[in-house]
Amino acid sequence: MKIITCTTPLLEQNMYIVEEGKHCIVIDPYYDEKTAVLLEGKIVDLLLVTHEHYDHISGVNKFKELYGCKLLSNSKCDNNLQRPAKNFSKYFEAYYEFQADLQKPDFAFASNYSCSADELFNDSITFRWQHNTVFIKMVPGHSEGGNFIFLNENILFSGDILLDESVPAAKFPGGSPKEFTDVALPYINTLPPELVVYPGHGESFSLHEYYGYINKKEK
């Protein structure tokens, strides 16, 4: 199995391509010419998203069109995927305008972007893919429809709920500092420290490193 990290121009968001032979799962899809090269000769079996924000979902429709693949998501996330005001595509260009330190991508934003899931689950789901076990668990805090995506119990794709040396932004509409503190963090504390985390932005890290950061912050 191989994991390819693709850092996109949208807020330097990470798209992940999980390969097993010619088959792959794409997490938080973004599509451009580089993506096309990486996927040449590959079969995209499934799309997954860690949450509903535009920088993590912008390639969903293009992937469906080109590869005939389906998107699996929880029902809360799906509800927001279909609404530009909820997935933030409506506000993305304005966000860049107000953030002087961000380099604006040289393409047009889809300000009315929407997409939808083809298969839904509620709180969690487990399935087998190419001899691997995938477990997806809803984790609120950063957004209403946030997911942790586990692969074979030792890899976690965390979206923006777990970022190296950072408490996630939870004050955006749909986010909740209280849910992060009361729901997400207690769940995170049950996870094994050797878990390797692939976040929505930035470099991968071990959960042990994150525990150390949180403990320092609490002191």
N, C-alpha and C. Protein backbone atom coordinates (compact mmCIF):
# COMPACT_ATOMS: atom_id res chain seq x y z
N MET A 1 0.83 -1.19 0.00
CA MET A 1 0.00 0.00 0.00
C MET A 1 0.87 1.25 0.00
N LYS A 2 0.43 2.27 -0.72
CA LYS A 2 1.19 3.51 -0.85
C LYS A 2 0.25 4.69 -0.61
N ILE A 3 0.71 5.68 0.14
CA ILE A 3 -0.07 6.90 0.38
C ILE A 3 0.66 8.07 -0.27
N ILE A 4 0.00 8.75 -1.20
CA ILE A 4 0.56 9.92 -1.87
C ILE A 4 -0.12 11.16 -1.32
N THR A 5 0.69 12.10 -0.83
CA THR A 5 0.17 13.37 -0.32
C THR A 5 0.29 14.43 -1.41
N CYS A 6 -0.82 15.07 -1.75
CA CYS A 6 -0.82 16.14 -2.75
C CYS A 6 -1.28 17.42 -2.06
N THR A 7 -0.39 18.38 -1.93
CA THR A 7 -0.75 19.66 -1.33
C THR A 7 -1.29 20.58 -2.40
N THR A 8 -2.52 21.01 -2.26
CA THR A 8 -3.23 21.75 -3.30
C THR A 8 -3.11 23.26 -3.10
N PRO A 9 -3.46 24.05 -4.13
CA PRO A 9 -3.41 25.51 -3.99
C PRO A 9 -4.49 26.09 -3.08
N LEU A 10 -5.49 25.30 -2.73
CA LEU A 10 -6.58 25.79 -1.89
C LEU A 10 -6.17 25.70 -0.42
N LEU A 11 -5.64 26.79 0.12
CA LEU A 11 -5.20 26.86 1.52
C LEU A 11 -4.19 25.77 1.85
N GLU A 12 -3.42 25.32 0.85
CA GLU A 12 -2.42 24.26 1.03
C GLU A 12 -3.05 23.03 1.70
N GLN A 13 -4.23 22.72 1.24
CA GLN A 13 -4.96 21.54 1.73
C GLN A 13 -4.33 20.27 1.19
N ASN A 14 -4.37 19.21 1.97
CA ASN A 14 -3.81 17.93 1.56
C ASN A 14 -4.89 17.01 0.98
N MET A 15 -4.68 16.59 -0.24
CA MET A 15 -5.45 15.49 -0.81
C MET A 15 -4.59 14.24 -0.69
N TYR A 16 -5.21 13.12 -0.35
CA TYR A 16 -4.47 11.87 -0.21
C TYR A 16 -4.97 10.84 -1.22
N ILE A 17 -4.03 10.21 -1.90
CA ILE A 17 -4.33 9.09 -2.79
C ILE A 17 -3.76 7.83 -2.14
N VAL A 18 -4.63 6.93 -1.76
CA VAL A 18 -4.21 5.67 -1.15
C VAL A 18 -4.24 4.61 -2.24
N GLU A 19 -3.07 4.08 -2.57
CA GLU A 19 -2.95 3.13 -3.67
C GLU A 19 -2.74 1.71 -3.17
N GLU A 20 -3.39 0.79 -3.83
CA GLU A 20 -3.16 -0.65 -3.62
C GLU A 20 -3.15 -1.26 -5.01
N GLY A 21 -1.95 -1.45 -5.57
CA GLY A 21 -1.85 -1.87 -6.96
C GLY A 21 -2.38 -0.78 -7.87
N LYS A 22 -3.30 -1.15 -8.77
CA LYS A 22 -3.90 -0.17 -9.67
C LYS A 22 -5.13 0.50 -9.07
N HIS A 23 -5.54 0.04 -7.91
CA HIS A 23 -6.74 0.58 -7.27
C HIS A 23 -6.38 1.68 -6.28
N CYS A 24 -7.28 2.65 -6.13
CA CYS A 24 -7.02 3.70 -5.15
C CYS A 24 -8.31 4.27 -4.57
N ILE A 25 -8.15 4.82 -3.37
CA ILE A 25 -9.17 5.65 -2.72
C ILE A 25 -8.60 7.05 -2.66
N VAL A 26 -9.42 8.04 -2.98
CA VAL A 26 -8.98 9.43 -2.92
C VAL A 26 -9.71 10.13 -1.77
N ILE A 27 -8.94 10.75 -0.91
CA ILE A 27 -9.48 11.43 0.27
C ILE A 27 -9.33 12.94 0.09
N ASP A 28 -10.41 13.67 0.26
CA ASP A 28 -10.46 15.13 0.09
C ASP A 28 -10.01 15.53 -1.31
N PRO A 29 -10.77 15.14 -2.33
CA PRO A 29 -10.34 15.27 -3.72
C PRO A 29 -10.24 16.70 -4.23
N TYR A 30 -9.16 16.95 -4.95
CA TYR A 30 -8.92 18.18 -5.70
C TYR A 30 -8.42 17.73 -7.07
N TYR A 31 -8.85 18.41 -8.13
CA TYR A 31 -8.45 17.93 -9.45
C TYR A 31 -7.75 19.00 -10.26
N ASP A 32 -6.59 18.65 -10.84
CA ASP A 32 -5.88 19.49 -11.80
C ASP A 32 -5.02 18.58 -12.68
N GLU A 33 -4.16 19.15 -13.49
CA GLU A 33 -3.34 18.36 -14.42
C GLU A 33 -2.39 17.42 -13.67
N LYS A 34 -1.85 17.88 -12.55
CA LYS A 34 -0.95 17.03 -11.77
C LYS A 34 -1.68 15.81 -11.23
N THR A 35 -2.92 16.03 -10.79
CA THR A 35 -3.73 14.91 -10.31
C THR A 35 -3.94 13.89 -11.42
N ALA A 36 -4.24 14.37 -12.62
CA ALA A 36 -4.47 13.49 -13.75
C ALA A 36 -3.26 12.61 -14.03
N VAL A 37 -2.06 13.18 -13.92
CA VAL A 37 -0.84 12.41 -14.15
C VAL A 37 -0.67 11.34 -13.08
N LEU A 38 -0.90 11.71 -11.83
CA LEU A 38 -0.75 10.76 -10.73
C LEU A 38 -1.71 9.58 -10.85
N LEU A 39 -2.87 9.83 -11.42
CA LEU A 39 -3.91 8.79 -11.50
C LEU A 39 -3.93 8.07 -12.85
N GLU A 40 -2.99 8.37 -13.71
CA GLU A 40 -2.96 7.73 -15.02
C GLU A 40 -2.82 6.21 -14.87
N GLY A 41 -3.73 5.48 -15.47
CA GLY A 41 -3.71 4.03 -15.40
C GLY A 41 -4.28 3.46 -14.11
N LYS A 42 -4.80 4.32 -13.23
CA LYS A 42 -5.35 3.88 -11.95
C LYS A 42 -6.87 3.75 -12.01
N ILE A 43 -7.40 2.96 -11.12
CA ILE A 43 -8.84 2.81 -10.96
C ILE A 43 -9.22 3.46 -9.64
N VAL A 44 -10.04 4.51 -9.70
CA VAL A 44 -10.49 5.17 -8.47
C VAL A 44 -11.74 4.44 -7.98
N ASP A 45 -11.58 3.69 -6.90
CA ASP A 45 -12.68 2.89 -6.38
C ASP A 45 -13.68 3.72 -5.58
N LEU A 46 -13.19 4.75 -4.88
CA LEU A 46 -14.05 5.45 -3.93
C LEU A 46 -13.47 6.82 -3.59
N LEU A 47 -14.36 7.77 -3.33
CA LEU A 47 -14.00 9.07 -2.79
C LEU A 47 -14.45 9.17 -1.35
N LEU A 48 -13.62 9.76 -0.51
CA LEU A 48 -13.97 10.03 0.88
C LEU A 48 -13.61 11.47 1.19
N VAL A 49 -14.34 12.10 2.10
CA VAL A 49 -14.00 13.46 2.54
C VAL A 49 -13.94 13.48 4.06
N THR A 50 -13.00 14.27 4.58
CA THR A 50 -12.89 14.40 6.03
C THR A 50 -13.91 15.37 6.59
N HIS A 51 -14.35 16.33 5.77
CA HIS A 51 -15.42 17.24 6.15
C HIS A 51 -15.88 18.03 4.94
N GLU A 52 -16.82 18.92 5.15
CA GLU A 52 -17.58 19.51 4.05
C GLU A 52 -17.04 20.82 3.52
N HIS A 53 -15.92 21.32 3.97
CA HIS A 53 -15.43 22.63 3.52
C HIS A 53 -14.84 22.57 2.12
N TYR A 54 -15.02 23.67 1.39
CA TYR A 54 -14.73 23.72 -0.05
C TYR A 54 -13.31 23.28 -0.41
N ASP A 55 -12.32 23.66 0.39
CA ASP A 55 -10.95 23.28 0.05
C ASP A 55 -10.73 21.78 0.12
N HIS A 56 -11.64 21.04 0.75
CA HIS A 56 -11.51 19.58 0.88
C HIS A 56 -12.43 18.80 -0.05
N ILE A 57 -13.27 19.50 -0.80
CA ILE A 57 -14.28 18.80 -1.62
C ILE A 57 -14.31 19.28 -3.06
N SER A 58 -13.44 20.22 -3.45
CA SER A 58 -13.59 20.91 -4.73
C SER A 58 -13.50 19.99 -5.95
N GLY A 59 -12.88 18.82 -5.78
CA GLY A 59 -12.72 17.92 -6.92
C GLY A 59 -13.73 16.80 -7.01
N VAL A 60 -14.70 16.77 -6.10
CA VAL A 60 -15.64 15.64 -6.06
C VAL A 60 -16.35 15.45 -7.40
N ASN A 61 -16.95 16.50 -7.92
CA ASN A 61 -17.73 16.36 -9.15
C ASN A 61 -16.87 15.96 -10.35
N LYS A 62 -15.66 16.51 -10.43
CA LYS A 62 -14.77 16.18 -11.53
C LYS A 62 -14.34 14.72 -11.47
N PHE A 63 -14.04 14.24 -10.27
CA PHE A 63 -13.67 12.83 -10.12
C PHE A 63 -14.81 11.91 -10.52
N LYS A 64 -16.02 12.25 -10.11
CA LYS A 64 -17.18 11.43 -10.49
C LYS A 64 -17.34 11.39 -12.00
N GLU A 65 -17.17 12.54 -12.63
CA GLU A 65 -17.32 12.63 -14.08
C GLU A 65 -16.27 11.82 -14.82
N LEU A 66 -15.01 11.91 -14.39
CA LEU A 66 -13.91 11.29 -15.13
C LEU A 66 -13.69 9.82 -14.78
N TYR A 67 -13.95 9.45 -13.53
CA TYR A 67 -13.59 8.10 -13.08
C TYR A 67 -14.79 7.24 -12.72
N GLY A 68 -15.97 7.82 -12.74
CA GLY A 68 -17.17 7.04 -12.44
C GLY A 68 -17.21 6.52 -11.02
N CYS A 69 -16.54 7.20 -10.11
CA CYS A 69 -16.46 6.73 -8.73
C CYS A 69 -17.57 7.36 -7.88
N LYS A 70 -17.79 6.79 -6.70
CA LYS A 70 -18.83 7.27 -5.80
C LYS A 70 -18.21 7.93 -4.57
N LEU A 71 -18.99 8.83 -3.97
CA LEU A 71 -18.59 9.46 -2.72
C LEU A 71 -19.37 8.86 -1.57
N LEU A 72 -18.64 8.43 -0.55
CA LEU A 72 -19.23 7.93 0.69
C LEU A 72 -19.06 8.99 1.76
N SER A 73 -20.15 9.33 2.45
CA SER A 73 -20.07 10.37 3.47
C SER A 73 -21.15 10.17 4.53
N ASN A 74 -20.95 10.82 5.68
CA ASN A 74 -22.01 10.80 6.68
C ASN A 74 -23.12 11.77 6.28
N SER A 75 -24.30 11.58 6.84
CA SER A 75 -25.48 12.33 6.40
C SER A 75 -25.39 13.82 6.74
N LYS A 76 -24.78 14.19 7.86
CA LYS A 76 -24.65 15.61 8.21
C LYS A 76 -23.71 16.31 7.24
N CYS A 77 -22.62 15.66 6.92
CA CYS A 77 -21.69 16.21 5.95
C CYS A 77 -22.37 16.38 4.60
N ASP A 78 -23.10 15.38 4.17
CA ASP A 78 -23.77 15.42 2.87
C ASP A 78 -24.75 16.58 2.78
N ASN A 79 -25.46 16.84 3.85
CA ASN A 79 -26.41 17.95 3.88
C ASN A 79 -25.70 19.28 3.59
N ASN A 80 -24.49 19.45 4.12
CA ASN A 80 -23.74 20.69 3.92
C ASN A 80 -22.99 20.72 2.59
N LEU A 81 -22.62 19.56 2.08
CA LEU A 81 -21.98 19.49 0.76
C LEU A 81 -22.85 20.12 -0.31
N GLN A 82 -24.14 20.01 -0.15
CA GLN A 82 -25.09 20.45 -1.17
C GLN A 82 -25.43 21.93 -1.09
N ARG A 83 -24.86 22.64 -0.10
CA ARG A 83 -25.23 24.04 0.12
C ARG A 83 -23.98 24.92 0.12
N PRO A 84 -23.83 25.78 -0.89
CA PRO A 84 -22.63 26.63 -0.98
C PRO A 84 -22.36 27.48 0.25
N ALA A 85 -23.40 27.91 0.95
CA ALA A 85 -23.18 28.69 2.16
C ALA A 85 -22.66 27.83 3.30
N LYS A 86 -22.98 26.55 3.28
CA LYS A 86 -22.54 25.62 4.32
C LYS A 86 -21.17 25.03 4.02
N ASN A 87 -20.86 24.82 2.73
CA ASN A 87 -19.54 24.28 2.41
C ASN A 87 -18.50 25.39 2.18
N PHE A 88 -18.95 26.64 2.34
CA PHE A 88 -18.10 27.84 2.31
C PHE A 88 -17.62 28.24 0.93
N SER A 89 -18.01 27.53 -0.13
CA SER A 89 -17.58 27.96 -1.46
C SER A 89 -18.11 29.36 -1.77
N LYS A 90 -19.24 29.70 -1.22
CA LYS A 90 -19.85 31.01 -1.43
C LYS A 90 -18.96 32.15 -0.95
N TYR A 91 -18.12 31.85 0.06
CA TYR A 91 -17.32 32.90 0.70
C TYR A 91 -15.82 32.79 0.44
N PHE A 92 -15.41 31.80 -0.32
CA PHE A 92 -13.98 31.50 -0.42
C PHE A 92 -13.18 32.63 -1.06
N GLU A 93 -13.69 33.19 -2.16
CA GLU A 93 -12.96 34.27 -2.81
C GLU A 93 -12.83 35.48 -1.89
N ALA A 94 -13.89 35.81 -1.17
CA ALA A 94 -13.84 36.93 -0.23
C ALA A 94 -12.85 36.65 0.90
N TYR A 95 -12.78 35.39 1.33
CA TYR A 95 -11.85 35.03 2.39
C TYR A 95 -10.41 35.32 1.96
N TYR A 96 -10.08 34.96 0.75
CA TYR A 96 -8.73 35.23 0.24
C TYR A 96 -8.48 36.74 0.15
N GLU A 97 -9.48 37.51 -0.22
CA GLU A 97 -9.32 38.95 -0.35
C GLU A 97 -8.97 39.59 0.98
N PHE A 98 -9.50 39.04 2.07
CA PHE A 98 -9.28 39.62 3.40
C PHE A 98 -8.05 39.05 4.10
N GLN A 99 -7.43 38.03 3.52
CA GLN A 99 -6.23 37.43 4.12
C GLN A 99 -5.02 37.80 3.26
N ALA A 100 -4.39 38.90 3.61
CA ALA A 100 -3.31 39.45 2.77
C ALA A 100 -2.10 38.51 2.68
N ASP A 101 -1.92 37.66 3.67
CA ASP A 101 -0.75 36.77 3.68
C ASP A 101 -0.97 35.51 2.84
N LEU A 102 -2.17 35.31 2.31
CA LEU A 102 -2.47 34.13 1.50
C LEU A 102 -2.28 34.45 0.02
N GLN A 103 -1.62 33.55 -0.69
CA GLN A 103 -1.48 33.70 -2.13
C GLN A 103 -2.72 33.13 -2.81
N LYS A 104 -3.43 33.97 -3.51
CA LYS A 104 -4.66 33.54 -4.16
C LYS A 104 -4.36 32.64 -5.34
N PRO A 105 -4.99 31.49 -5.44
CA PRO A 105 -4.77 30.59 -6.59
C PRO A 105 -5.13 31.26 -7.90
N ASP A 106 -4.44 30.86 -8.98
CA ASP A 106 -4.66 31.49 -10.28
C ASP A 106 -5.76 30.78 -11.07
N PHE A 107 -6.87 30.51 -10.42
CA PHE A 107 -8.02 29.96 -11.12
C PHE A 107 -9.28 30.55 -10.48
N ALA A 108 -10.38 30.41 -11.18
CA ALA A 108 -11.64 30.97 -10.69
C ALA A 108 -12.25 30.04 -9.64
N PHE A 109 -12.72 30.64 -8.56
CA PHE A 109 -13.41 29.85 -7.54
C PHE A 109 -14.83 29.52 -8.01
N ALA A 110 -15.30 28.35 -7.64
CA ALA A 110 -16.68 27.98 -7.93
C ALA A 110 -17.53 28.43 -6.75
N SER A 111 -18.02 29.66 -6.81
CA SER A 111 -18.67 30.25 -5.64
C SER A 111 -20.02 29.63 -5.31
N ASN A 112 -20.57 28.88 -6.24
CA ASN A 112 -21.85 28.20 -5.99
C ASN A 112 -21.66 26.68 -6.01
N TYR A 113 -20.49 26.23 -5.59
CA TYR A 113 -20.15 24.81 -5.71
C TYR A 113 -21.00 23.95 -4.77
N SER A 114 -21.45 22.85 -5.28
CA SER A 114 -22.14 21.85 -4.46
C SER A 114 -21.87 20.47 -5.03
N CYS A 115 -21.95 19.50 -4.17
CA CYS A 115 -21.83 18.09 -4.59
C CYS A 115 -22.64 17.27 -3.61
N SER A 116 -22.69 15.98 -3.82
CA SER A 116 -23.49 15.14 -2.93
C SER A 116 -22.91 13.74 -2.84
N ALA A 117 -23.20 13.10 -1.73
CA ALA A 117 -22.75 11.73 -1.52
C ALA A 117 -23.63 10.76 -2.28
N ASP A 118 -23.04 9.65 -2.69
CA ASP A 118 -23.80 8.58 -3.36
C ASP A 118 -24.19 7.48 -2.37
N GLU A 119 -23.42 7.36 -1.30
CA GLU A 119 -23.71 6.39 -0.25
C GLU A 119 -23.53 7.09 1.09
N LEU A 120 -24.44 6.82 2.03
CA LEU A 120 -24.45 7.52 3.31
C LEU A 120 -24.31 6.56 4.49
N PHE A 121 -23.76 7.08 5.58
CA PHE A 121 -23.80 6.39 6.87
C PHE A 121 -24.14 7.42 7.94
N ASN A 122 -24.45 6.98 9.13
CA ASN A 122 -24.79 7.90 10.19
C ASN A 122 -23.59 8.19 11.09
N ASP A 123 -23.40 7.41 12.14
CA ASP A 123 -22.31 7.72 13.07
C ASP A 123 -20.96 7.16 12.63
N SER A 124 -20.96 5.94 12.11
CA SER A 124 -19.71 5.30 11.72
C SER A 124 -19.97 4.19 10.72
N ILE A 125 -18.89 3.74 10.07
CA ILE A 125 -19.00 2.64 9.11
C ILE A 125 -17.65 1.94 9.01
N THR A 126 -17.67 0.64 8.82
CA THR A 126 -16.46 -0.16 8.60
C THR A 126 -16.65 -0.98 7.34
N PHE A 127 -15.61 -1.03 6.50
CA PHE A 127 -15.69 -1.86 5.31
C PHE A 127 -14.28 -2.31 4.90
N ARG A 128 -14.25 -3.33 4.05
CA ARG A 128 -12.98 -3.86 3.54
C ARG A 128 -12.73 -3.30 2.14
N TRP A 129 -11.48 -2.95 1.90
CA TRP A 129 -11.08 -2.46 0.58
C TRP A 129 -9.69 -3.01 0.25
N GLN A 130 -9.61 -3.83 -0.81
CA GLN A 130 -8.33 -4.38 -1.28
C GLN A 130 -7.50 -4.95 -0.12
N HIS A 131 -8.15 -5.80 0.69
CA HIS A 131 -7.50 -6.47 1.83
C HIS A 131 -7.13 -5.53 2.96
N ASN A 132 -7.65 -4.30 2.94
CA ASN A 132 -7.44 -3.35 4.01
C ASN A 132 -8.77 -3.08 4.72
N THR A 133 -8.72 -2.69 5.97
CA THR A 133 -9.91 -2.32 6.72
C THR A 133 -10.00 -0.81 6.84
N VAL A 134 -11.13 -0.25 6.45
CA VAL A 134 -11.38 1.18 6.56
C VAL A 134 -12.49 1.39 7.59
N PHE A 135 -12.22 2.25 8.55
CA PHE A 135 -13.22 2.61 9.57
C PHE A 135 -13.37 4.13 9.56
N ILE A 136 -14.60 4.61 9.44
CA ILE A 136 -14.87 6.04 9.42
C ILE A 136 -15.78 6.39 10.58
N LYS A 137 -15.40 7.40 11.34
CA LYS A 137 -16.13 7.80 12.53
C LYS A 137 -16.40 9.31 12.49
N MET A 138 -17.64 9.71 12.71
CA MET A 138 -17.97 11.12 12.80
C MET A 138 -17.32 11.73 14.04
N VAL A 139 -16.65 12.87 13.85
CA VAL A 139 -16.02 13.59 14.96
C VAL A 139 -16.31 15.08 14.79
N PRO A 140 -17.15 15.66 15.62
CA PRO A 140 -17.51 17.07 15.48
C PRO A 140 -16.46 17.99 16.11
N GLY A 141 -16.66 19.27 15.91
CA GLY A 141 -15.77 20.27 16.49
C GLY A 141 -15.39 21.31 15.47
N HIS A 142 -14.61 20.89 14.47
CA HIS A 142 -14.23 21.82 13.40
C HIS A 142 -15.42 22.09 12.47
N SER A 143 -16.24 21.09 12.26
CA SER A 143 -17.42 21.24 11.41
C SER A 143 -18.49 20.26 11.87
N GLU A 144 -19.70 20.42 11.34
CA GLU A 144 -20.80 19.54 11.74
C GLU A 144 -20.61 18.12 11.21
N GLY A 145 -20.02 18.02 10.01
CA GLY A 145 -19.94 16.71 9.35
C GLY A 145 -18.56 16.12 9.31
N GLY A 146 -17.71 16.44 10.29
CA GLY A 146 -16.34 15.98 10.29
C GLY A 146 -16.20 14.47 10.46
N ASN A 147 -15.19 13.89 9.79
CA ASN A 147 -14.91 12.46 9.87
C ASN A 147 -13.46 12.20 10.24
N PHE A 148 -13.22 11.19 11.03
CA PHE A 148 -11.91 10.55 11.13
C PHE A 148 -11.96 9.33 10.23
N ILE A 149 -10.95 9.17 9.38
CA ILE A 149 -10.88 8.02 8.48
C ILE A 149 -9.67 7.19 8.89
N PHE A 150 -9.93 5.99 9.40
CA PHE A 150 -8.87 5.09 9.86
C PHE A 150 -8.58 4.03 8.79
N LEU A 151 -7.32 3.73 8.63
CA LEU A 151 -6.90 2.68 7.71
C LEU A 151 -6.06 1.66 8.47
N ASN A 152 -6.59 0.43 8.58
CA ASN A 152 -5.88 -0.68 9.22
C ASN A 152 -5.42 -0.40 10.64
N GLU A 153 -6.15 0.45 11.35
CA GLU A 153 -5.94 0.71 12.77
C GLU A 153 -4.64 1.42 13.12
N ASN A 154 -3.79 1.72 12.13
CA ASN A 154 -2.53 2.40 12.45
C ASN A 154 -2.34 3.71 11.69
N ILE A 155 -3.32 4.06 10.85
CA ILE A 155 -3.24 5.29 10.07
C ILE A 155 -4.55 6.05 10.23
N LEU A 156 -4.45 7.36 10.42
CA LEU A 156 -5.63 8.20 10.58
C LEU A 156 -5.53 9.41 9.66
N PHE A 157 -6.57 9.61 8.84
CA PHE A 157 -6.72 10.83 8.06
C PHE A 157 -7.69 11.71 8.85
N SER A 158 -7.16 12.82 9.38
CA SER A 158 -7.89 13.55 10.42
C SER A 158 -8.58 14.82 9.93
N GLY A 159 -8.38 15.20 8.66
CA GLY A 159 -8.95 16.47 8.22
C GLY A 159 -8.39 17.62 9.05
N ASP A 160 -9.26 18.55 9.44
CA ASP A 160 -8.81 19.73 10.19
C ASP A 160 -9.09 19.61 11.68
N ILE A 161 -9.55 18.45 12.14
CA ILE A 161 -9.82 18.27 13.56
C ILE A 161 -8.55 17.98 14.33
N LEU A 162 -7.53 17.45 13.64
CA LEU A 162 -6.22 17.21 14.25
C LEU A 162 -5.16 17.78 13.32
N LEU A 163 -4.51 18.84 13.76
CA LEU A 163 -3.41 19.44 13.01
C LEU A 163 -2.20 19.49 13.94
N ASP A 164 -1.02 19.21 13.41
CA ASP A 164 0.18 19.17 14.24
C ASP A 164 0.39 20.50 14.95
N GLU A 165 0.52 20.43 16.28
CA GLU A 165 0.76 21.61 17.12
C GLU A 165 -0.26 22.71 16.85
N SER A 166 -1.52 22.32 16.80
CA SER A 166 -2.58 23.32 16.57
C SER A 166 -3.91 22.79 17.09
N VAL A 167 -4.62 23.64 17.79
CA VAL A 167 -6.00 23.35 18.15
C VAL A 167 -6.85 23.77 16.95
N PRO A 168 -7.76 22.92 16.47
CA PRO A 168 -8.47 23.23 15.23
C PRO A 168 -9.36 24.46 15.36
N ALA A 169 -9.51 25.16 14.25
CA ALA A 169 -10.45 26.28 14.20
C ALA A 169 -11.86 25.73 14.37
N ALA A 170 -12.53 26.17 15.41
CA ALA A 170 -13.87 25.65 15.69
C ALA A 170 -14.92 26.74 15.79
N LYS A 171 -14.53 27.97 15.42
CA LYS A 171 -15.47 29.10 15.55
C LYS A 171 -16.11 29.49 14.24
N PHE A 172 -15.77 28.77 13.16
CA PHE A 172 -16.48 28.99 11.91
C PHE A 172 -17.93 28.51 12.07
N PRO A 173 -18.85 29.01 11.24
CA PRO A 173 -20.22 28.46 11.27
C PRO A 173 -20.19 26.94 11.11
N GLY A 174 -20.89 26.25 11.98
CA GLY A 174 -20.90 24.79 11.95
C GLY A 174 -19.87 24.17 12.87
N GLY A 175 -18.87 24.95 13.27
CA GLY A 175 -17.89 24.47 14.23
C GLY A 175 -18.36 24.69 15.66
N SER A 176 -17.72 24.02 16.61
CA SER A 176 -18.13 24.15 18.00
C SER A 176 -16.95 23.86 18.92
N PRO A 177 -16.39 24.88 19.59
CA PRO A 177 -15.33 24.64 20.57
C PRO A 177 -15.79 23.69 21.67
N LYS A 178 -17.05 23.79 22.05
CA LYS A 178 -17.58 22.92 23.10
C LYS A 178 -17.59 21.46 22.66
N GLU A 179 -18.02 21.21 21.41
CA GLU A 179 -18.03 19.82 20.93
C GLU A 179 -16.62 19.28 20.77
N PHE A 180 -15.68 20.15 20.38
CA PHE A 180 -14.30 19.68 20.31
C PHE A 180 -13.80 19.27 21.69
N THR A 181 -14.09 20.10 22.70
CA THR A 181 -13.62 19.82 24.07
C THR A 181 -14.36 18.65 24.70
N ASP A 182 -15.68 18.60 24.50
CA ASP A 182 -16.51 17.61 25.20
C ASP A 182 -16.65 16.28 24.47
N VAL A 183 -16.52 16.31 23.14
CA VAL A 183 -16.76 15.09 22.35
C VAL A 183 -15.49 14.62 21.64
N ALA A 184 -14.91 15.52 20.84
CA ALA A 184 -13.77 15.11 20.01
C ALA A 184 -12.54 14.77 20.85
N LEU A 185 -12.15 15.66 21.75
CA LEU A 185 -10.92 15.45 22.51
C LEU A 185 -10.97 14.20 23.38
N PRO A 186 -12.06 13.92 24.11
CA PRO A 186 -12.13 12.66 24.85
C PRO A 186 -11.97 11.44 23.95
N TYR A 187 -12.55 11.50 22.73
CA TYR A 187 -12.39 10.38 21.80
C TYR A 187 -10.95 10.26 21.34
N ILE A 188 -10.33 11.38 21.01
CA ILE A 188 -8.93 11.37 20.59
C ILE A 188 -8.05 10.76 21.67
N ASN A 189 -8.37 11.04 22.91
CA ASN A 189 -7.56 10.54 24.03
C ASN A 189 -7.67 9.03 24.22
N THR A 190 -8.63 8.38 23.55
CA THR A 190 -8.75 6.92 23.62
C THR A 190 -7.92 6.22 22.54
N LEU A 191 -7.39 6.99 21.61
CA LEU A 191 -6.69 6.41 20.45
C LEU A 191 -5.24 6.08 20.80
N PRO A 192 -4.67 5.06 20.17
CA PRO A 192 -3.29 4.66 20.48
C PRO A 192 -2.28 5.72 20.06
N PRO A 193 -1.29 6.02 20.90
CA PRO A 193 -0.33 7.09 20.59
C PRO A 193 0.54 6.81 19.38
N GLU A 194 0.67 5.54 18.98
CA GLU A 194 1.51 5.22 17.82
C GLU A 194 0.80 5.46 16.49
N LEU A 195 -0.46 5.86 16.54
CA LEU A 195 -1.22 6.15 15.33
C LEU A 195 -0.51 7.23 14.51
N VAL A 196 -0.37 7.00 13.20
CA VAL A 196 0.22 8.00 12.30
C VAL A 196 -0.91 8.84 11.72
N VAL A 197 -0.82 10.16 11.91
CA VAL A 197 -1.89 11.07 11.51
C VAL A 197 -1.51 11.80 10.23
N TYR A 198 -2.40 11.74 9.24
CA TYR A 198 -2.28 12.51 8.01
C TYR A 198 -3.33 13.62 8.07
N PRO A 199 -2.93 14.85 8.35
CA PRO A 199 -3.90 15.93 8.59
C PRO A 199 -4.38 16.60 7.30
N GLY A 200 -5.37 17.47 7.47
CA GLY A 200 -5.91 18.21 6.33
C GLY A 200 -4.96 19.26 5.79
N HIS A 201 -4.03 19.72 6.63
CA HIS A 201 -3.03 20.70 6.23
C HIS A 201 -1.74 20.37 6.98
N GLY A 202 -0.60 20.52 6.35
CA GLY A 202 0.67 20.30 7.02
C GLY A 202 1.17 18.87 6.91
N GLU A 203 2.26 18.61 7.63
CA GLU A 203 2.95 17.33 7.56
C GLU A 203 2.30 16.28 8.47
N SER A 204 2.55 15.02 8.15
CA SER A 204 2.06 13.93 8.99
C SER A 204 2.84 13.89 10.30
N PHE A 205 2.24 13.29 11.32
CA PHE A 205 2.86 13.21 12.64
C PHE A 205 2.26 12.03 13.40
N SER A 206 2.87 11.67 14.50
CA SER A 206 2.31 10.61 15.34
C SER A 206 1.38 11.23 16.37
N LEU A 207 0.39 10.47 16.79
CA LEU A 207 -0.53 10.97 17.81
C LEU A 207 0.21 11.23 19.12
N HIS A 208 1.27 10.49 19.36
CA HIS A 208 2.11 10.72 20.54
C HIS A 208 2.62 12.16 20.56
N GLU A 209 3.02 12.68 19.39
CA GLU A 209 3.50 14.06 19.30
C GLU A 209 2.38 15.04 19.62
N TYR A 210 1.17 14.73 19.17
CA TYR A 210 0.04 15.62 19.43
C TYR A 210 -0.31 15.62 20.91
N TYR A 211 -0.30 14.43 21.54
CA TYR A 211 -0.55 14.37 22.98
C TYR A 211 0.43 15.26 23.74
N GLY A 212 1.69 15.24 23.32
CA GLY A 212 2.70 16.07 23.97
C GLY A 212 2.39 17.55 23.82
N TYR A 213 1.91 17.93 22.63
CA TYR A 213 1.57 19.33 22.39
C TYR A 213 0.38 19.75 23.26
N ILE A 214 -0.67 18.92 23.30
CA ILE A 214 -1.85 19.25 24.11
C ILE A 214 -1.49 19.35 25.59
N ASN A 215 -0.66 18.43 26.07
CA ASN A 215 -0.27 18.47 27.48
C ASN A 215 0.50 19.75 27.80
N LYS A 216 1.35 20.20 26.89
CA LYS A 216 2.08 21.45 27.09
C LYS A 216 1.11 22.63 27.15
N LYS A 217 0.11 22.62 26.25
CA LYS A 217 -0.85 23.71 26.21
C LYS A 217 -1.65 23.79 27.51
N GLU A 218 -2.01 22.60 28.05
CA GLU A 218 -2.82 22.57 29.27
C GLU A 218 -2.05 23.07 30.48
N LYS A 219 -0.70 22.95 30.45
CA LYS A 219 0.10 23.44 31.57
C LYS A 219 0.28 24.95 31.48
